[in-house]
Amino acid sequence: MDFKYKAITEKIIGAAMKVHSTHGNGFQEVIYQRALVLQMQADNISFIREYNMPVLYLEQQIGERRVDFFVEDKICVEIKAIINLESVHFAQSRNYLEAFNMEIGLLINFGAISLQFKRLTNPKHNPSIIHHPQNPTYLPKS
């Protein structure tokens, strides 16, 4: 299948696999988040870590939520470090996509014996609303 932003999501998943193959499961989420920062930098993936994004309702900002990674101005990445992903985690990630008006997201779990990941799409995405990051954590040199 040919998914939108397939090349970027594959690079992110590949970086997560490298982290998981090195550390396995059993660490706190923040450890995987820090390792993923280093791996995505090494893989020349541009991202913002812990990016506050507006939550909109009727095109009005009603709050903010923080996404673990906002990658290449296109992909929301939420990470977990739990034994197994459950429906509530998928619902949370889908809600983030809708609230942030993002088209594509990844939910990645480092806590399982094998890395778990799921590519999510937002059928309610409105392409006329664009997020512009202010302070990127890592933007590779052109």
N, C-alpha and C. Protein backbone atom coordinates (compact mmCIF):
# COMPACT_ATOMS: atom_id res chain seq x y z
N MET A 1 0.83 -1.19 0.00
CA MET A 1 0.00 0.00 0.00
C MET A 1 0.87 1.25 0.00
N ASP A 2 0.38 2.29 -0.63
CA ASP A 2 1.11 3.54 -0.67
C ASP A 2 0.40 4.54 0.24
N PHE A 3 0.97 4.78 1.43
CA PHE A 3 0.39 5.69 2.39
C PHE A 3 0.95 7.09 2.20
N LYS A 4 0.17 8.08 2.57
CA LYS A 4 0.65 9.46 2.54
C LYS A 4 1.76 9.59 3.58
N TYR A 5 2.83 10.25 3.20
CA TYR A 5 4.01 10.45 4.06
C TYR A 5 4.67 9.13 4.45
N LYS A 6 4.54 8.14 3.59
CA LYS A 6 5.08 6.81 3.86
C LYS A 6 6.58 6.85 4.15
N ALA A 7 7.34 7.61 3.38
CA ALA A 7 8.80 7.66 3.58
C ALA A 7 9.15 8.21 4.95
N ILE A 8 8.44 9.25 5.38
CA ILE A 8 8.73 9.85 6.69
C ILE A 8 8.34 8.90 7.81
N THR A 9 7.14 8.31 7.71
CA THR A 9 6.71 7.41 8.79
C THR A 9 7.63 6.19 8.87
N GLU A 10 8.11 5.71 7.74
CA GLU A 10 9.04 4.58 7.77
C GLU A 10 10.36 4.96 8.44
N LYS A 11 10.84 6.18 8.20
CA LYS A 11 12.07 6.64 8.86
C LYS A 11 11.88 6.74 10.37
N ILE A 12 10.72 7.25 10.80
CA ILE A 12 10.43 7.37 12.24
C ILE A 12 10.36 5.99 12.88
N ILE A 13 9.63 5.08 12.24
CA ILE A 13 9.50 3.71 12.77
C ILE A 13 10.86 3.04 12.80
N GLY A 14 11.67 3.24 11.77
CA GLY A 14 13.02 2.68 11.74
C GLY A 14 13.87 3.20 12.89
N ALA A 15 13.76 4.50 13.19
CA ALA A 15 14.50 5.08 14.31
C ALA A 15 14.02 4.46 15.62
N ALA A 16 12.72 4.30 15.76
CA ALA A 16 12.16 3.69 16.98
C ALA A 16 12.63 2.24 17.12
N MET A 17 12.71 1.51 16.00
CA MET A 17 13.18 0.12 16.05
C MET A 17 14.65 0.06 16.51
N LYS A 18 15.46 1.00 16.06
CA LYS A 18 16.86 1.03 16.50
C LYS A 18 16.94 1.26 17.99
N VAL A 19 16.14 2.19 18.50
CA VAL A 19 16.12 2.46 19.95
C VAL A 19 15.67 1.22 20.71
N HIS A 20 14.58 0.61 20.24
CA HIS A 20 14.04 -0.55 20.95
C HIS A 20 14.99 -1.74 20.89
N SER A 21 15.67 -1.93 19.76
CA SER A 21 16.61 -3.05 19.67
C SER A 21 17.81 -2.85 20.59
N THR A 22 18.14 -1.60 20.87
CA THR A 22 19.26 -1.31 21.78
C THR A 22 18.84 -1.45 23.24
N HIS A 23 17.69 -0.90 23.61
CA HIS A 23 17.29 -0.84 25.02
C HIS A 23 16.23 -1.85 25.41
N GLY A 24 15.55 -2.46 24.44
CA GLY A 24 14.49 -3.39 24.79
C GLY A 24 13.36 -2.67 25.51
N ASN A 25 12.58 -3.42 26.26
CA ASN A 25 11.49 -2.81 27.02
C ASN A 25 11.89 -2.69 28.49
N GLY A 26 11.09 -1.95 29.25
CA GLY A 26 11.31 -1.88 30.70
C GLY A 26 11.73 -0.53 31.23
N PHE A 27 12.05 0.43 30.37
CA PHE A 27 12.41 1.76 30.84
C PHE A 27 11.19 2.66 30.87
N GLN A 28 11.33 3.80 31.54
CA GLN A 28 10.27 4.81 31.55
C GLN A 28 10.21 5.48 30.18
N GLU A 29 9.05 6.04 29.88
CA GLU A 29 8.83 6.68 28.59
C GLU A 29 9.88 7.74 28.27
N VAL A 30 10.27 8.53 29.26
CA VAL A 30 11.22 9.63 29.02
C VAL A 30 12.57 9.12 28.51
N ILE A 31 12.98 7.93 28.92
CA ILE A 31 14.24 7.35 28.44
C ILE A 31 14.14 7.07 26.95
N TYR A 32 13.03 6.48 26.52
CA TYR A 32 12.83 6.21 25.10
C TYR A 32 12.71 7.51 24.31
N GLN A 33 12.05 8.49 24.90
CA GLN A 33 11.90 9.78 24.23
C GLN A 33 13.28 10.41 23.99
N ARG A 34 14.13 10.40 25.00
CA ARG A 34 15.48 10.98 24.86
C ARG A 34 16.32 10.20 23.84
N ALA A 35 16.20 8.88 23.87
CA ALA A 35 16.95 8.06 22.91
C ALA A 35 16.44 8.30 21.49
N LEU A 36 15.12 8.44 21.35
CA LEU A 36 14.55 8.69 20.02
C LEU A 36 14.99 10.04 19.48
N VAL A 37 15.14 11.03 20.35
CA VAL A 37 15.69 12.33 19.93
C VAL A 37 17.05 12.13 19.28
N LEU A 38 17.94 11.40 19.96
CA LEU A 38 19.29 11.19 19.44
C LEU A 38 19.28 10.39 18.14
N GLN A 39 18.41 9.38 18.07
CA GLN A 39 18.36 8.56 16.86
C GLN A 39 17.79 9.33 15.68
N MET A 40 16.76 10.12 15.91
CA MET A 40 16.20 10.90 14.80
C MET A 40 17.19 11.97 14.33
N GLN A 41 17.96 12.52 15.25
CA GLN A 41 19.02 13.46 14.84
C GLN A 41 20.04 12.73 13.98
N ALA A 42 20.46 11.55 14.41
CA ALA A 42 21.44 10.76 13.66
C ALA A 42 20.90 10.37 12.28
N ASP A 43 19.58 10.17 12.19
CA ASP A 43 18.95 9.79 10.93
C ASP A 43 18.50 11.00 10.10
N ASN A 44 18.86 12.20 10.58
CA ASN A 44 18.57 13.44 9.86
C ASN A 44 17.07 13.66 9.64
N ILE A 45 16.28 13.39 10.68
CA ILE A 45 14.84 13.61 10.66
C ILE A 45 14.57 14.90 11.43
N SER A 46 13.90 15.86 10.81
CA SER A 46 13.61 17.11 11.52
C SER A 46 12.35 16.92 12.38
N PHE A 47 12.40 17.50 13.59
CA PHE A 47 11.30 17.32 14.53
C PHE A 47 11.32 18.41 15.59
N ILE A 48 10.22 18.48 16.29
CA ILE A 48 10.11 19.29 17.50
C ILE A 48 9.69 18.33 18.59
N ARG A 49 10.38 18.37 19.70
CA ARG A 49 10.06 17.50 20.84
C ARG A 49 9.12 18.25 21.78
N GLU A 50 8.14 17.53 22.29
CA GLU A 50 7.15 18.07 23.23
C GLU A 50 6.60 19.40 22.76
N TYR A 51 5.99 19.37 21.60
CA TYR A 51 5.46 20.57 20.97
C TYR A 51 4.04 20.83 21.45
N ASN A 52 3.83 22.03 22.00
CA ASN A 52 2.48 22.43 22.40
C ASN A 52 1.71 22.83 21.16
N MET A 53 0.60 22.16 20.96
CA MET A 53 -0.23 22.45 19.80
C MET A 53 -1.61 22.90 20.28
N PRO A 54 -2.21 23.83 19.55
CA PRO A 54 -3.52 24.31 19.97
C PRO A 54 -4.60 23.26 19.77
N VAL A 55 -5.56 23.25 20.68
CA VAL A 55 -6.77 22.44 20.53
C VAL A 55 -7.86 23.41 20.09
N LEU A 56 -8.47 23.12 18.96
CA LEU A 56 -9.45 24.01 18.37
C LEU A 56 -10.86 23.44 18.48
N TYR A 57 -11.80 24.35 18.59
CA TYR A 57 -13.22 24.00 18.50
C TYR A 57 -13.89 25.13 17.75
N LEU A 58 -14.59 24.82 16.68
CA LEU A 58 -15.21 25.83 15.82
C LEU A 58 -14.20 26.89 15.42
N GLU A 59 -13.00 26.40 15.07
CA GLU A 59 -11.89 27.23 14.61
C GLU A 59 -11.41 28.24 15.66
N GLN A 60 -11.73 27.99 16.93
CA GLN A 60 -11.26 28.82 18.04
C GLN A 60 -10.37 27.97 18.93
N GLN A 61 -9.27 28.55 19.40
CA GLN A 61 -8.39 27.82 20.31
C GLN A 61 -9.03 27.76 21.69
N ILE A 62 -9.17 26.54 22.22
CA ILE A 62 -9.77 26.35 23.54
C ILE A 62 -8.79 25.76 24.54
N GLY A 63 -7.58 25.52 24.09
CA GLY A 63 -6.56 24.98 24.98
C GLY A 63 -5.36 24.52 24.20
N GLU A 64 -4.48 23.85 24.89
CA GLU A 64 -3.28 23.29 24.27
C GLU A 64 -3.03 21.89 24.81
N ARG A 65 -2.41 21.07 23.99
CA ARG A 65 -1.93 19.74 24.39
C ARG A 65 -0.53 19.59 23.84
N ARG A 66 0.23 18.78 24.48
CA ARG A 66 1.61 18.58 24.07
C ARG A 66 1.76 17.22 23.41
N VAL A 67 2.24 17.23 22.18
CA VAL A 67 2.52 16.00 21.45
C VAL A 67 3.99 15.66 21.70
N ASP A 68 4.31 14.36 21.82
CA ASP A 68 5.68 13.96 22.10
C ASP A 68 6.64 14.44 21.02
N PHE A 69 6.29 14.23 19.75
CA PHE A 69 7.11 14.69 18.64
C PHE A 69 6.21 15.20 17.53
N PHE A 70 6.62 16.31 16.92
CA PHE A 70 5.99 16.84 15.73
C PHE A 70 7.06 16.76 14.66
N VAL A 71 6.91 15.85 13.72
CA VAL A 71 7.99 15.49 12.79
C VAL A 71 7.73 16.08 11.40
N GLU A 72 8.74 16.80 10.92
CA GLU A 72 8.76 17.37 9.58
C GLU A 72 7.49 18.13 9.23
N ASP A 73 6.94 18.82 10.23
CA ASP A 73 5.73 19.64 10.06
C ASP A 73 4.54 18.85 9.53
N LYS A 74 4.55 17.52 9.70
CA LYS A 74 3.50 16.70 9.10
C LYS A 74 2.94 15.61 10.00
N ILE A 75 3.76 15.06 10.87
CA ILE A 75 3.39 13.83 11.59
C ILE A 75 3.41 14.07 13.10
N CYS A 76 2.32 13.73 13.77
CA CYS A 76 2.28 13.71 15.24
C CYS A 76 2.74 12.32 15.68
N VAL A 77 3.69 12.28 16.60
CA VAL A 77 4.17 11.00 17.12
C VAL A 77 3.94 10.99 18.63
N GLU A 78 3.15 10.05 19.07
CA GLU A 78 2.89 9.84 20.49
C GLU A 78 3.57 8.55 20.90
N ILE A 79 4.37 8.59 21.97
CA ILE A 79 5.04 7.37 22.40
C ILE A 79 4.54 6.95 23.77
N LYS A 80 4.62 5.65 24.00
CA LYS A 80 4.23 5.03 25.26
C LYS A 80 5.31 4.04 25.66
N ALA A 81 5.31 3.69 26.92
CA ALA A 81 6.21 2.66 27.45
C ALA A 81 5.39 1.80 28.41
N ILE A 82 4.46 1.06 27.85
CA ILE A 82 3.53 0.24 28.62
C ILE A 82 3.56 -1.20 28.10
N ILE A 83 3.02 -2.12 28.85
CA ILE A 83 3.07 -3.53 28.47
C ILE A 83 2.38 -3.77 27.14
N ASN A 84 1.20 -3.18 26.95
CA ASN A 84 0.46 -3.40 25.71
C ASN A 84 -0.43 -2.19 25.43
N LEU A 85 -0.50 -1.80 24.18
CA LEU A 85 -1.41 -0.72 23.80
C LEU A 85 -2.85 -1.18 23.94
N GLU A 86 -3.69 -0.30 24.41
CA GLU A 86 -5.11 -0.60 24.57
C GLU A 86 -5.93 0.40 23.78
N SER A 87 -7.22 0.16 23.67
CA SER A 87 -8.09 1.01 22.86
C SER A 87 -8.06 2.46 23.33
N VAL A 88 -7.88 2.70 24.61
CA VAL A 88 -7.84 4.07 25.13
C VAL A 88 -6.64 4.84 24.55
N HIS A 89 -5.52 4.18 24.31
CA HIS A 89 -4.34 4.84 23.75
C HIS A 89 -4.57 5.21 22.28
N PHE A 90 -5.25 4.33 21.55
CA PHE A 90 -5.59 4.64 20.17
C PHE A 90 -6.58 5.80 20.12
N ALA A 91 -7.56 5.78 21.01
CA ALA A 91 -8.55 6.86 21.06
C ALA A 91 -7.87 8.19 21.39
N GLN A 92 -6.95 8.17 22.34
CA GLN A 92 -6.23 9.39 22.70
C GLN A 92 -5.46 9.93 21.51
N SER A 93 -4.75 9.07 20.81
CA SER A 93 -3.97 9.50 19.65
C SER A 93 -4.86 10.03 18.53
N ARG A 94 -5.98 9.36 18.30
CA ARG A 94 -6.92 9.85 17.28
C ARG A 94 -7.50 11.21 17.68
N ASN A 95 -7.81 11.36 18.96
CA ASN A 95 -8.32 12.63 19.45
C ASN A 95 -7.28 13.74 19.27
N TYR A 96 -6.02 13.43 19.50
CA TYR A 96 -4.95 14.41 19.27
C TYR A 96 -4.93 14.84 17.81
N LEU A 97 -5.00 13.88 16.91
CA LEU A 97 -5.00 14.21 15.49
C LEU A 97 -6.16 15.15 15.14
N GLU A 98 -7.33 14.84 15.65
CA GLU A 98 -8.48 15.69 15.37
C GLU A 98 -8.33 17.06 16.03
N ALA A 99 -7.93 17.08 17.29
CA ALA A 99 -7.79 18.35 18.01
C ALA A 99 -6.69 19.22 17.39
N PHE A 100 -5.62 18.60 16.91
CA PHE A 100 -4.50 19.34 16.31
C PHE A 100 -4.69 19.56 14.82
N ASN A 101 -5.76 19.00 14.26
CA ASN A 101 -6.02 19.05 12.82
C ASN A 101 -4.83 18.51 12.02
N MET A 102 -4.31 17.39 12.46
CA MET A 102 -3.20 16.74 11.76
C MET A 102 -3.77 15.56 10.97
N GLU A 103 -3.18 15.31 9.82
CA GLU A 103 -3.68 14.26 8.95
C GLU A 103 -3.16 12.88 9.34
N ILE A 104 -1.87 12.80 9.72
CA ILE A 104 -1.22 11.51 9.97
C ILE A 104 -0.54 11.53 11.33
N GLY A 105 -0.62 10.40 12.01
CA GLY A 105 0.05 10.25 13.30
C GLY A 105 0.60 8.85 13.46
N LEU A 106 1.53 8.74 14.40
CA LEU A 106 2.07 7.44 14.76
C LEU A 106 1.93 7.27 16.27
N LEU A 107 1.52 6.10 16.67
CA LEU A 107 1.49 5.71 18.08
C LEU A 107 2.53 4.60 18.22
N ILE A 108 3.54 4.84 19.05
CA ILE A 108 4.65 3.90 19.19
C ILE A 108 4.77 3.50 20.65
N ASN A 109 4.85 2.19 20.89
CA ASN A 109 4.97 1.67 22.25
C ASN A 109 6.29 0.91 22.41
N PHE A 110 7.14 1.44 23.29
CA PHE A 110 8.43 0.82 23.58
C PHE A 110 8.34 -0.19 24.73
N GLY A 111 7.21 -0.26 25.42
CA GLY A 111 7.11 -1.08 26.62
C GLY A 111 6.87 -2.56 26.39
N ALA A 112 6.49 -2.94 25.19
CA ALA A 112 6.23 -4.35 24.88
C ALA A 112 7.54 -5.05 24.52
N ILE A 113 7.53 -6.37 24.55
CA ILE A 113 8.73 -7.13 24.20
C ILE A 113 9.18 -6.80 22.78
N SER A 114 8.24 -6.71 21.86
CA SER A 114 8.51 -6.24 20.49
C SER A 114 7.93 -4.85 20.35
N LEU A 115 8.62 -3.98 19.64
CA LEU A 115 8.12 -2.63 19.42
C LEU A 115 6.74 -2.69 18.78
N GLN A 116 5.81 -1.93 19.33
CA GLN A 116 4.47 -1.82 18.75
C GLN A 116 4.32 -0.44 18.13
N PHE A 117 3.74 -0.38 16.95
CA PHE A 117 3.48 0.91 16.33
C PHE A 117 2.23 0.82 15.48
N LYS A 118 1.57 1.95 15.38
CA LYS A 118 0.34 2.02 14.59
C LYS A 118 0.31 3.37 13.89
N ARG A 119 0.05 3.33 12.60
CA ARG A 119 -0.11 4.53 11.79
C ARG A 119 -1.59 4.92 11.84
N LEU A 120 -1.86 6.17 12.18
CA LEU A 120 -3.23 6.64 12.32
C LEU A 120 -3.51 7.75 11.31
N THR A 121 -4.74 7.82 10.84
CA THR A 121 -5.14 8.90 9.94
C THR A 121 -6.35 9.63 10.52
N ASN A 122 -6.48 10.86 10.14
CA ASN A 122 -7.57 11.70 10.61
C ASN A 122 -8.51 12.01 9.43
N PRO A 123 -9.66 11.36 9.37
CA PRO A 123 -10.58 11.62 8.26
C PRO A 123 -11.19 13.01 8.31
N LYS A 124 -11.08 13.70 9.45
CA LYS A 124 -11.65 15.04 9.60
C LYS A 124 -10.62 16.14 9.32
N HIS A 125 -9.44 15.76 8.85
CA HIS A 125 -8.38 16.74 8.61
C HIS A 125 -8.83 17.84 7.66
N ASN A 126 -8.53 19.08 8.03
CA ASN A 126 -8.85 20.25 7.21
C ASN A 126 -7.54 20.86 6.73
N PRO A 127 -7.17 20.65 5.46
CA PRO A 127 -5.87 21.12 4.96
C PRO A 127 -5.73 22.64 4.92
N SER A 128 -6.82 23.39 5.08
CA SER A 128 -6.71 24.85 5.06
C SER A 128 -6.17 25.41 6.37
N ILE A 129 -6.14 24.59 7.44
CA ILE A 129 -5.58 25.01 8.72
C ILE A 129 -4.20 24.38 8.83
N ILE A 130 -3.16 25.22 8.91
CA ILE A 130 -1.78 24.73 8.94
C ILE A 130 -1.11 25.18 10.23
N HIS A 131 -0.38 24.26 10.86
CA HIS A 131 0.39 24.57 12.06
C HIS A 131 1.79 24.98 11.66
N HIS A 132 2.28 26.06 12.26
CA HIS A 132 3.64 26.52 11.99
C HIS A 132 4.43 26.52 13.28
N PRO A 133 5.37 25.59 13.43
CA PRO A 133 6.16 25.54 14.65
C PRO A 133 7.01 26.79 14.83
N GLN A 134 7.13 27.23 16.07
CA GLN A 134 7.90 28.43 16.38
C GLN A 134 9.36 28.13 16.72
N ASN A 135 9.59 27.16 17.57
CA ASN A 135 10.94 26.88 18.06
C ASN A 135 11.30 25.42 17.87
N PRO A 136 11.82 25.07 16.69
CA PRO A 136 12.14 23.67 16.43
C PRO A 136 13.26 23.17 17.33
N THR A 137 13.12 21.96 17.81
CA THR A 137 14.15 21.33 18.60
C THR A 137 15.30 20.90 17.70
N TYR A 138 14.99 20.33 16.56
CA TYR A 138 16.03 19.85 15.67
C TYR A 138 15.57 19.98 14.24
N LEU A 139 16.27 20.78 13.50
CA LEU A 139 16.07 20.88 12.06
C LEU A 139 17.40 20.62 11.40
N PRO A 140 17.52 19.53 10.64
CA PRO A 140 18.81 19.23 10.03
C PRO A 140 19.21 20.29 9.02
N LYS A 141 20.50 20.39 8.80
CA LYS A 141 21.02 21.34 7.83
C LYS A 141 20.66 20.88 6.43
N SER A 142 20.32 21.84 5.58
CA SER A 142 19.94 21.51 4.20
C SER A 142 21.12 21.11 3.39
